[in-house]
Amino acid sequence: MFKKIKILAVLLFAITLICPISAFAEEEEENSNYIKDISYYSASQKLENLIKEDRVEKIDYYNPETGEYFAWLKTDYTTRSFKPAKNFSFHIRNYVSSDKFWIGSASIRVYSQARLVDVYGNEISGVSFPYEVKISSKLWDIEKFQFETNGGQTEYGRVKGNRYYTVSISTGDNPDYYGNGPYLDGSGTVYHDI
């Protein structure tokens, strides 16, 4: 009798381990097909176009009501001394953060360009709007890069490397100072040493 109870307990334990894994696998499969339904992204014409052009690797954040998003773009090139760790695209009001990605070296370079646009996607001209791109792993491994919307810029920095990091983008000013409901719309690349 004790042996049967022991076998039953082992079986129940095995089932509890297998069920959450299979549920996670179904969720992962469902998310991978999620990008293929372009109609969901209609609030953001830019993101919809990127998907149609097959340039999107993964979407980390999307708000269907506002069209705000953060997406990783496919990477297919290398410079002489740096190679892209990740390319990204964003459309935000105030703040967005990504999922983790790998940086293999301590020396990094971040390129970003953005513009301030109104709710219809029209550029608000004559504005030099500050924003920050932050690369972070843990609380003690953070590198902040300051940018403005007056063209593309490249900034250099150092992190510990050989670990996973996240990208977060935040506006340095209140966008509402520049009209009703403007967005920071841009893209960038995180490079690391070859």
C-alpha atoms as a PDB file:
ATOM      1  CA  MET A   1       0.000   0.000   0.000  1.00  0.00           C
ATOM      2  CA  PHE A   2       2.807   2.421   0.916  1.00  0.00           C
ATOM      3  CA  LYS A   3       4.519   1.648  -2.393  1.00  0.00           C
ATOM      4  CA  LYS A   4       1.329   2.538  -4.345  1.00  0.00           C
ATOM      5  CA  ILE A   5       1.015   5.865  -2.515  1.00  0.00           C
ATOM      6  CA  LYS A   6       4.656   6.619  -3.218  1.00  0.00           C
ATOM      7  CA  ILE A   7       4.187   5.882  -6.956  1.00  0.00           C
ATOM      8  CA  LEU A   8       1.018   8.003  -7.025  1.00  0.00           C
ATOM      9  CA  ALA A   9       2.857  10.908  -5.377  1.00  0.00           C
ATOM     10  CA  VAL A  10       5.682  10.681  -7.927  1.00  0.00           C
ATOM     11  CA  LEU A  11       3.150  10.640 -10.791  1.00  0.00           C
ATOM     12  CA  LEU A  12       1.313  13.674  -9.413  1.00  0.00           C
ATOM     13  CA  PHE A  13       4.595  15.533  -9.021  1.00  0.00           C
ATOM     14  CA  ALA A  14       5.581  14.681 -12.608  1.00  0.00           C
ATOM     15  CA  ILE A  15       2.212  15.896 -13.922  1.00  0.00           C
ATOM     16  CA  THR A  16       2.553  19.237 -12.112  1.00  0.00           C
ATOM     17  CA  LEU A  17       5.966  19.720 -13.706  1.00  0.00           C
ATOM     18  CA  ILE A  18       4.791  18.832 -17.216  1.00  0.00           C
ATOM     19  CA  CYS A  19       1.520  20.820 -17.280  1.00  0.00           C
ATOM     20  CA  PRO A  20       2.985  24.304 -16.710  1.00  0.00           C
ATOM     21  CA  ILE A  21       5.714  23.614 -19.278  1.00  0.00           C
ATOM     22  CA  SER A  22       3.195  22.594 -21.936  1.00  0.00           C
ATOM     23  CA  ALA A  23       1.015  25.615 -21.094  1.00  0.00           C
ATOM     24  CA  PHE A  24       4.067  27.859 -21.512  1.00  0.00           C
ATOM     25  CA  ALA A  25       4.923  26.203 -24.819  1.00  0.00           C
ATOM     26  CA  GLU A  26       1.389  26.864 -26.113  1.00  0.00           C
ATOM     27  CA  GLU A  27       1.623  30.506 -25.020  1.00  0.00           C
ATOM     28  CA  GLU A  28       5.017  30.879 -26.736  1.00  0.00           C
ATOM     29  CA  GLU A  29       3.630  29.388 -29.939  1.00  0.00           C
ATOM     30  CA  GLU A  30       0.621  31.704 -29.783  1.00  0.00           C
ATOM     31  CA  ASN A  31       2.876  34.780 -29.364  1.00  0.00           C
ATOM     32  CA  SER A  32       5.067  33.784 -32.302  1.00  0.00           C
ATOM     33  CA  ASN A  33       2.005  33.849 -34.578  1.00  0.00           C
ATOM     34  CA  TYR A  34       0.808  37.101 -33.046  1.00  0.00           C
ATOM     35  CA  ILE A  35       2.996  39.272 -35.295  1.00  0.00           C
ATOM     36  CA  LYS A  36       1.462  37.696 -38.408  1.00  0.00           C
ATOM     37  CA  ASP A  37      -1.926  39.322 -37.692  1.00  0.00           C
ATOM     38  CA  ILE A  38      -1.017  42.765 -38.995  1.00  0.00           C
ATOM     39  CA  SER A  39      -4.517  44.169 -38.448  1.00  0.00           C
ATOM     40  CA  TYR A  40      -3.841  44.215 -34.692  1.00  0.00           C
ATOM     41  CA  TYR A  41      -1.128  46.847 -35.233  1.00  0.00           C
ATOM     42  CA  SER A  42      -3.304  49.249 -37.246  1.00  0.00           C
ATOM     43  CA  ALA A  43      -2.991  51.967 -34.570  1.00  0.00           C
ATOM     44  CA  SER A  44       0.665  52.301 -35.543  1.00  0.00           C
ATOM     45  CA  GLN A  45       1.169  52.707 -39.287  1.00  0.00           C
ATOM     46  CA  LYS A  46       4.965  52.673 -38.880  1.00  0.00           C
ATOM     47  CA  LEU A  47       4.943  49.331 -37.046  1.00  0.00           C
ATOM     48  CA  GLU A  48       2.471  47.870 -39.516  1.00  0.00           C
ATOM     49  CA  ASN A  49       4.783  48.874 -42.387  1.00  0.00           C
ATOM     50  CA  LEU A  50       7.821  47.361 -40.641  1.00  0.00           C
ATOM     51  CA  ILE A  51       5.939  44.075 -40.275  1.00  0.00           C
ATOM     52  CA  LYS A  52       4.840  44.099 -43.937  1.00  0.00           C
ATOM     53  CA  GLU A  53       8.482  44.692 -44.971  1.00  0.00           C
ATOM     54  CA  ASP A  54       9.506  41.693 -42.807  1.00  0.00           C
ATOM     55  CA  ARG A  55      11.902  43.832 -40.762  1.00  0.00           C
ATOM     56  CA  VAL A  56      10.492  43.003 -37.295  1.00  0.00           C
ATOM     57  CA  GLU A  57      12.215  40.315 -35.262  1.00  0.00           C
ATOM     58  CA  LYS A  58      10.090  40.640 -32.113  1.00  0.00           C
ATOM     59  CA  ILE A  59       7.621  43.067 -30.546  1.00  0.00           C
ATOM     60  CA  ASP A  60       8.271  43.591 -26.835  1.00  0.00           C
ATOM     61  CA  TYR A  61       5.522  46.125 -26.175  1.00  0.00           C
ATOM     62  CA  TYR A  62       2.420  47.284 -28.036  1.00  0.00           C
ATOM     63  CA  ASN A  63      -0.544  49.389 -26.889  1.00  0.00           C
ATOM     64  CA  PRO A  64      -3.396  49.056 -29.411  1.00  0.00           C
ATOM     65  CA  GLU A  65      -5.210  52.114 -28.051  1.00  0.00           C
ATOM     66  CA  THR A  66      -2.311  54.556 -28.489  1.00  0.00           C
ATOM     67  CA  GLY A  67      -0.101  52.827 -31.057  1.00  0.00           C
ATOM     68  CA  GLU A  68       2.881  52.965 -28.682  1.00  0.00           C
ATOM     69  CA  TYR A  69       5.368  50.148 -29.219  1.00  0.00           C
ATOM     70  CA  PHE A  70       8.907  48.845 -28.819  1.00  0.00           C
ATOM     71  CA  ALA A  71      10.104  46.337 -31.440  1.00  0.00           C
ATOM     72  CA  TRP A  72      13.391  44.603 -32.163  1.00  0.00           C
ATOM     73  CA  LEU A  73      14.353  44.814 -35.833  1.00  0.00           C
ATOM     74  CA  LYS A  74      16.296  42.241 -37.812  1.00  0.00           C
ATOM     75  CA  THR A  75      20.058  42.830 -37.964  1.00  0.00           C
ATOM     76  CA  ASP A  76      21.986  42.082 -41.132  1.00  0.00           C
ATOM     77  CA  TYR A  77      25.178  44.130 -41.207  1.00  0.00           C
ATOM     78  CA  THR A  78      28.448  44.761 -39.343  1.00  0.00           C
ATOM     79  CA  THR A  79      30.817  47.738 -39.221  1.00  0.00           C
ATOM     80  CA  ARG A  80      34.596  47.460 -39.169  1.00  0.00           C
ATOM     81  CA  SER A  81      35.052  47.429 -35.399  1.00  0.00           C
ATOM     82  CA  PHE A  82      31.539  47.031 -33.998  1.00  0.00           C
ATOM     83  CA  LYS A  83      28.689  44.685 -34.780  1.00  0.00           C
ATOM     84  CA  PRO A  84      25.036  45.247 -33.927  1.00  0.00           C
ATOM     85  CA  ALA A  85      23.841  43.543 -30.778  1.00  0.00           C
ATOM     86  CA  LYS A  86      20.290  44.684 -31.576  1.00  0.00           C
ATOM     87  CA  ASN A  87      18.349  47.143 -33.737  1.00  0.00           C
ATOM     88  CA  PHE A  88      15.163  48.623 -32.356  1.00  0.00           C
ATOM     89  CA  SER A  89      12.240  50.862 -33.266  1.00  0.00           C
ATOM     90  CA  PHE A  90       9.916  52.738 -30.892  1.00  0.00           C
ATOM     91  CA  HIS A  91       6.913  55.057 -30.734  1.00  0.00           C
ATOM     92  CA  ILE A  92       6.218  56.282 -27.182  1.00  0.00           C
ATOM     93  CA  ARG A  93       4.713  59.050 -25.088  1.00  0.00           C
ATOM     94  CA  ASN A  94       6.992  58.822 -22.038  1.00  0.00           C
ATOM     95  CA  TYR A  95       8.736  55.498 -21.377  1.00  0.00           C
ATOM     96  CA  VAL A  96       9.244  51.980 -22.701  1.00  0.00           C
ATOM     97  CA  SER A  97      11.528  49.077 -21.766  1.00  0.00           C
ATOM     98  CA  SER A  98      12.558  46.006 -23.737  1.00  0.00           C
ATOM     99  CA  ASP A  99      13.021  42.346 -22.982  1.00  0.00           C
ATOM    100  CA  LYS A 100      16.558  41.059 -22.424  1.00  0.00           C
ATOM    101  CA  PHE A 101      19.192  40.809 -25.139  1.00  0.00           C
ATOM    102  CA  TRP A 102      22.849  39.715 -25.127  1.00  0.00           C
ATOM    103  CA  ILE A 103      25.871  42.050 -25.177  1.00  0.00           C
ATOM    104  CA  GLY A 104      29.130  40.155 -25.562  1.00  0.00           C
ATOM    105  CA  SER A 105      31.674  42.908 -24.845  1.00  0.00           C
ATOM    106  CA  ALA A 106      32.261  45.786 -22.466  1.00  0.00           C
ATOM    107  CA  SER A 107      32.704  48.483 -25.103  1.00  0.00           C
ATOM    108  CA  ILE A 108      29.391  49.516 -26.631  1.00  0.00           C
ATOM    109  CA  ARG A 109      28.101  52.157 -28.986  1.00  0.00           C
ATOM    110  CA  VAL A 110      24.492  53.334 -29.225  1.00  0.00           C
ATOM    111  CA  TYR A 111      23.116  55.091 -32.280  1.00  0.00           C
ATOM    112  CA  SER A 112      19.654  56.627 -32.129  1.00  0.00           C
ATOM    113  CA  GLN A 113      17.540  59.007 -34.125  1.00  0.00           C
ATOM    114  CA  ALA A 114      14.054  60.182 -33.275  1.00  0.00           C
ATOM    115  CA  ARG A 115      11.541  62.880 -34.008  1.00  0.00           C
ATOM    116  CA  LEU A 116       8.617  64.348 -32.153  1.00  0.00           C
ATOM    117  CA  VAL A 117       5.377  63.697 -34.040  1.00  0.00           C
ATOM    118  CA  ASP A 118       1.741  64.637 -33.498  1.00  0.00           C
ATOM    119  CA  VAL A 119      -1.068  62.083 -33.137  1.00  0.00           C
ATOM    120  CA  TYR A 120      -1.290  61.798 -36.951  1.00  0.00           C
ATOM    121  CA  GLY A 121       2.437  61.052 -37.381  1.00  0.00           C
ATOM    122  CA  ASN A 122       3.355  64.504 -38.709  1.00  0.00           C
ATOM    123  CA  GLU A 123       6.719  65.777 -37.493  1.00  0.00           C
ATOM    124  CA  ILE A 124       6.655  68.736 -35.127  1.00  0.00           C
ATOM    125  CA  SER A 125       9.375  70.848 -36.716  1.00  0.00           C
ATOM    126  CA  GLY A 126      11.871  73.109 -35.008  1.00  0.00           C
ATOM    127  CA  VAL A 127      11.922  71.066 -31.798  1.00  0.00           C
ATOM    128  CA  SER A 128      15.055  69.749 -30.113  1.00  0.00           C
ATOM    129  CA  PHE A 129      13.415  67.283 -27.737  1.00  0.00           C
ATOM    130  CA  PRO A 130      15.632  65.430 -25.197  1.00  0.00           C
ATOM    131  CA  TYR A 131      15.353  61.700 -24.582  1.00  0.00           C
ATOM    132  CA  GLU A 132      17.433  59.010 -22.894  1.00  0.00           C
ATOM    133  CA  VAL A 133      18.408  55.507 -23.975  1.00  0.00           C
ATOM    134  CA  LYS A 134      19.496  53.383 -21.031  1.00  0.00           C
ATOM    135  CA  ILE A 135      21.276  50.029 -21.284  1.00  0.00           C
ATOM    136  CA  SER A 136      21.056  48.111 -18.013  1.00  0.00           C
ATOM    137  CA  SER A 137      21.691  44.665 -16.613  1.00  0.00           C
ATOM    138  CA  LYS A 138      21.445  45.058 -12.884  1.00  0.00           C
ATOM    139  CA  LEU A 139      21.230  48.101 -10.670  1.00  0.00           C
ATOM    140  CA  TRP A 140      25.019  48.422 -10.663  1.00  0.00           C
ATOM    141  CA  ASP A 141      25.528  47.922 -14.430  1.00  0.00           C
ATOM    142  CA  ILE A 142      23.778  50.831 -16.155  1.00  0.00           C
ATOM    143  CA  GLU A 143      24.922  53.081 -18.973  1.00  0.00           C
ATOM    144  CA  LYS A 144      22.801  56.116 -19.913  1.00  0.00           C
ATOM    145  CA  PHE A 145      22.969  57.873 -23.268  1.00  0.00           C
ATOM    146  CA  GLN A 146      21.465  61.328 -23.833  1.00  0.00           C
ATOM    147  CA  PHE A 147      19.993  62.189 -27.243  1.00  0.00           C
ATOM    148  CA  GLU A 148      17.946  64.933 -28.873  1.00  0.00           C
ATOM    149  CA  THR A 149      15.539  64.853 -31.800  1.00  0.00           C
ATOM    150  CA  ASN A 150      17.718  67.082 -33.993  1.00  0.00           C
ATOM    151  CA  GLY A 151      19.151  64.161 -36.021  1.00  0.00           C
ATOM    152  CA  GLY A 152      20.915  60.859 -35.523  1.00  0.00           C
ATOM    153  CA  GLN A 153      23.623  60.673 -32.881  1.00  0.00           C
ATOM    154  CA  THR A 154      26.133  58.061 -31.749  1.00  0.00           C
ATOM    155  CA  GLU A 155      27.284  57.753 -28.141  1.00  0.00           C
ATOM    156  CA  TYR A 156      29.973  55.471 -26.692  1.00  0.00           C
ATOM    157  CA  GLY A 157      29.931  53.757 -23.309  1.00  0.00           C
ATOM    158  CA  ARG A 158      31.075  50.780 -21.264  1.00  0.00           C
ATOM    159  CA  VAL A 159      29.214  47.992 -19.530  1.00  0.00           C
ATOM    160  CA  LYS A 160      30.468  44.803 -17.899  1.00  0.00           C
ATOM    161  CA  GLY A 161      29.500  42.751 -20.987  1.00  0.00           C
ATOM    162  CA  ASN A 162      28.946  39.027 -21.490  1.00  0.00           C
ATOM    163  CA  ARG A 163      25.458  39.149 -20.010  1.00  0.00           C
ATOM    164  CA  TYR A 164      21.864  40.054 -20.763  1.00  0.00           C
ATOM    165  CA  TYR A 165      20.751  43.685 -20.850  1.00  0.00           C
ATOM    166  CA  THR A 166      17.574  45.648 -21.467  1.00  0.00           C
ATOM    167  CA  VAL A 167      17.026  48.896 -23.361  1.00  0.00           C
ATOM    168  CA  SER A 168      14.741  51.538 -21.912  1.00  0.00           C
ATOM    169  CA  ILE A 169      13.824  54.805 -23.571  1.00  0.00           C
ATOM    170  CA  SER A 170      12.396  57.761 -21.714  1.00  0.00           C
ATOM    171  CA  THR A 171      11.534  61.302 -22.653  1.00  0.00           C
ATOM    172  CA  GLY A 172      13.527  63.994 -20.918  1.00  0.00           C
ATOM    173  CA  ASP A 173      10.711  66.517 -21.139  1.00  0.00           C
ATOM    174  CA  ASN A 174       6.924  66.477 -21.088  1.00  0.00           C
ATOM    175  CA  PRO A 175       5.810  65.995 -24.709  1.00  0.00           C
ATOM    176  CA  ASP A 176       2.562  67.866 -24.018  1.00  0.00           C
ATOM    177  CA  TYR A 177       4.543  71.132 -23.953  1.00  0.00           C
ATOM    178  CA  TYR A 178       4.731  70.755 -27.749  1.00  0.00           C
ATOM    179  CA  GLY A 179       1.047  70.284 -28.563  1.00  0.00           C
ATOM    180  CA  ASN A 180      -1.755  67.877 -27.855  1.00  0.00           C
ATOM    181  CA  GLY A 181      -0.557  64.295 -27.503  1.00  0.00           C
ATOM    182  CA  PRO A 182       2.808  64.196 -29.303  1.00  0.00           C
ATOM    183  CA  TYR A 183       4.900  61.026 -29.458  1.00  0.00           C
ATOM    184  CA  LEU A 184       8.609  60.317 -29.605  1.00  0.00           C
ATOM    185  CA  ASP A 185       9.072  58.233 -32.752  1.00  0.00           C
ATOM    186  CA  GLY A 186      12.466  56.743 -33.520  1.00  0.00           C
ATOM    187  CA  SER A 187      14.884  53.894 -33.928  1.00  0.00           C
ATOM    188  CA  GLY A 188      18.361  52.879 -32.879  1.00  0.00           C
ATOM    189  CA  THR A 189      21.082  50.288 -32.710  1.00  0.00           C
ATOM    190  CA  VAL A 190      23.154  48.933 -29.838  1.00  0.00           C
ATOM    191  CA  TYR A 191      26.611  47.895 -31.103  1.00  0.00           C
ATOM    192  CA  HIS A 192      29.318  45.950 -29.292  1.00  0.00           C
ATOM    193  CA  ASP A 193      32.978  45.172 -30.084  1.00  0.00           C
ATOM    194  CA  ILE A 194      33.738  42.473 -32.614  1.00  0.00           C
END
